[in-house]
């Protein structure tokens, strides 16, 4: 079976780190798929907080995750520190993708991931990217 291939952004614009807890491990003794997705979600939330994005109200819109792709490359274990680098790619009229590169302190690649997102208006309909969101982005990544 072919592996998922994810392209990386020209640059990652945010980095955060998290220590793996014993409760993040599955019965195999490593971080399970469900917990890695939770860690990626936490990194995404931290990223938006860094950008000063209020996920519940961006010009009367909110962000909704549309898809998730992960490609696991190495196991991670309790007490290890994982480093999450994030960047944007593939903006369209309604949203785009956030790319994640997750590594250990020794630079071992653990996971590559992508979450797609769109903006939803107050009526619950997919809507163009609000200008208020674009204004919060660094100039080198604006759509």
Protein backbone atom coordinates (compact mmCIF):
# COMPACT_ATOMS: atom_id res chain seq x y z
CA UNK A 1 0.00 0.00 0.00
CA UNK A 2 1.35 3.42 -0.92
CA UNK A 3 2.17 5.83 1.91
CA UNK A 4 0.56 9.23 2.13
CA UNK A 5 2.87 11.93 0.79
CA UNK A 6 2.51 15.40 2.33
CA UNK A 7 4.14 18.49 0.91
CA UNK A 8 5.76 20.88 3.35
CA UNK A 9 5.23 24.64 3.37
CA UNK A 10 8.04 26.95 2.28
CA UNK A 11 8.44 27.81 5.94
CA UNK A 12 6.92 26.88 9.25
CA UNK A 13 5.76 30.01 11.06
CA UNK A 14 5.13 28.62 14.53
CA UNK A 15 6.69 26.08 16.88
CA UNK A 16 5.51 24.68 20.19
CA UNK A 17 6.64 21.77 22.33
CA UNK A 18 4.82 19.28 24.55
CA UNK A 19 6.02 16.58 26.87
CA UNK A 20 4.43 13.17 26.43
CA UNK A 21 2.56 11.96 29.50
CA UNK A 22 2.09 8.38 30.56
CA UNK A 23 -1.64 8.83 29.87
CA UNK A 24 -0.82 9.57 26.19
CA UNK A 25 0.40 5.99 25.71
CA UNK A 26 -1.61 3.11 24.32
CA UNK A 27 -1.34 -0.58 25.23
CA UNK A 28 1.66 -0.83 22.88
CA UNK A 29 3.56 1.54 25.18
CA UNK A 30 3.82 4.41 22.69
CA UNK A 31 1.69 7.42 21.78
CA UNK A 32 -1.42 6.10 20.09
CA UNK A 33 -3.12 7.49 17.01
CA UNK A 34 -5.96 9.03 19.04
CA UNK A 35 -3.57 10.82 21.37
CA UNK A 36 -1.36 12.09 18.53
CA UNK A 37 -4.45 13.63 16.94
CA UNK A 38 -5.25 15.27 20.30
CA UNK A 39 -1.69 16.61 20.53
CA UNK A 40 -1.91 17.97 16.98
CA UNK A 41 -5.23 19.63 17.88
CA UNK A 42 -3.62 21.22 20.94
CA UNK A 43 -0.74 22.51 18.80
CA UNK A 44 -3.25 23.95 16.31
CA UNK A 45 -5.13 25.70 19.13
CA UNK A 46 -1.84 27.13 20.46
CA UNK A 47 -0.96 28.30 16.94
CA UNK A 48 -4.23 30.20 16.57
CA UNK A 49 -3.81 31.71 20.03
CA UNK A 50 -0.34 32.89 18.97
CA UNK A 51 -1.91 34.52 15.89
CA UNK A 52 -4.53 36.09 18.21
CA UNK A 53 -7.33 34.30 16.38
CA UNK A 54 -10.55 33.82 18.35
CA UNK A 55 -11.70 30.49 16.93
CA UNK A 56 -15.31 31.14 17.95
CA UNK A 57 -15.66 34.56 16.36
CA UNK A 58 -13.58 35.83 13.47
CA UNK A 59 -15.68 38.57 11.88
CA UNK A 60 -18.79 36.53 12.85
CA UNK A 61 -17.28 33.32 11.44
CA UNK A 62 -15.69 30.28 12.99
CA UNK A 63 -13.13 27.76 11.77
CA UNK A 64 -14.10 24.15 11.15
CA UNK A 65 -11.64 21.33 10.48
CA UNK A 66 -12.59 19.54 7.26
CA UNK A 67 -10.06 16.74 7.08
CA UNK A 68 -7.00 15.23 8.68
CA UNK A 69 -4.12 13.29 7.18
CA UNK A 70 -1.32 11.83 9.28
CA UNK A 71 1.80 9.94 8.29
CA UNK A 72 3.58 8.29 11.19
CA UNK A 73 7.34 7.83 10.92
CA UNK A 74 8.55 6.95 14.44
CA UNK A 75 7.15 6.03 17.82
CA UNK A 76 7.15 8.41 20.76
CA UNK A 77 7.17 7.50 24.42
CA UNK A 78 6.40 8.90 27.87
CA UNK A 79 8.60 11.78 29.06
CA UNK A 80 9.85 12.58 25.55
CA UNK A 81 9.36 16.14 24.33
CA UNK A 82 7.73 16.54 20.93
CA UNK A 83 8.24 19.69 18.86
CA UNK A 84 5.35 20.76 16.62
CA UNK A 85 6.14 23.06 13.68
CA UNK A 86 3.14 24.54 11.87
CA UNK A 87 2.61 26.39 8.63
CA UNK A 88 -0.11 27.21 6.11
CA UNK A 89 -0.50 25.84 2.59
CA UNK A 90 -3.03 25.66 -0.20
CA UNK A 91 -5.29 28.56 0.69
CA UNK A 92 -8.49 28.72 -1.33
CA UNK A 93 -11.45 31.09 -1.18
CA UNK A 94 -12.89 29.37 1.91
CA UNK A 95 -9.91 28.14 3.94
CA UNK A 96 -6.73 26.16 3.54
CA UNK A 97 -4.43 23.62 5.13
CA UNK A 98 -2.25 23.64 8.22
CA UNK A 99 0.80 21.42 7.91
CA UNK A 100 2.45 19.92 11.00
CA UNK A 101 5.94 18.50 11.35
CA UNK A 102 6.37 16.68 14.67
CA UNK A 103 9.90 15.81 15.77
CA UNK A 104 11.72 14.63 18.86
CA UNK A 105 14.45 16.70 20.48
CA UNK A 106 17.08 14.65 18.58
CA UNK A 107 15.33 15.73 15.29
CA UNK A 108 13.78 12.30 14.66
CA UNK A 109 10.68 12.80 12.53
CA UNK A 110 7.66 11.36 14.37
CA UNK A 111 4.68 12.54 12.31
CA UNK A 112 3.75 14.69 9.34
CA UNK A 113 0.13 15.83 9.34
CA UNK A 114 -2.30 18.13 7.57
CA UNK A 115 -5.60 19.53 8.72
CA UNK A 116 -7.84 21.26 6.23
CA UNK A 117 -10.10 24.03 7.45
CA UNK A 118 -12.91 26.26 6.19
CA UNK A 119 -14.79 29.21 7.59
CA UNK A 120 -18.45 28.90 8.55
CA UNK A 121 -20.75 31.92 8.89
CA UNK A 122 -23.43 32.38 11.55
CA UNK A 123 -25.94 30.54 9.36
CA UNK A 124 -23.66 27.49 9.37
CA UNK A 125 -22.69 27.85 5.71
CA UNK A 126 -19.19 27.67 4.25
CA UNK A 127 -18.05 31.22 3.67
CA UNK A 128 -15.07 33.09 2.16
CA UNK A 129 -12.06 33.68 4.41
CA UNK A 130 -12.88 36.73 6.56
CA UNK A 131 -10.65 39.76 6.07
CA UNK A 132 -10.16 39.90 9.85
CA UNK A 133 -8.40 36.53 9.66
CA UNK A 134 -6.23 37.55 6.72
CA UNK A 135 -5.20 40.71 8.60
CA UNK A 136 -3.84 38.59 11.48
CA UNK A 137 -1.55 36.50 9.27
CA UNK A 138 2.10 37.31 8.68
CA UNK A 139 2.56 39.00 5.28
CA UNK A 140 4.59 36.12 3.87
CA UNK A 141 1.73 33.60 4.25
CA UNK A 142 -1.37 35.65 3.41
CA UNK A 143 -3.61 34.12 0.74
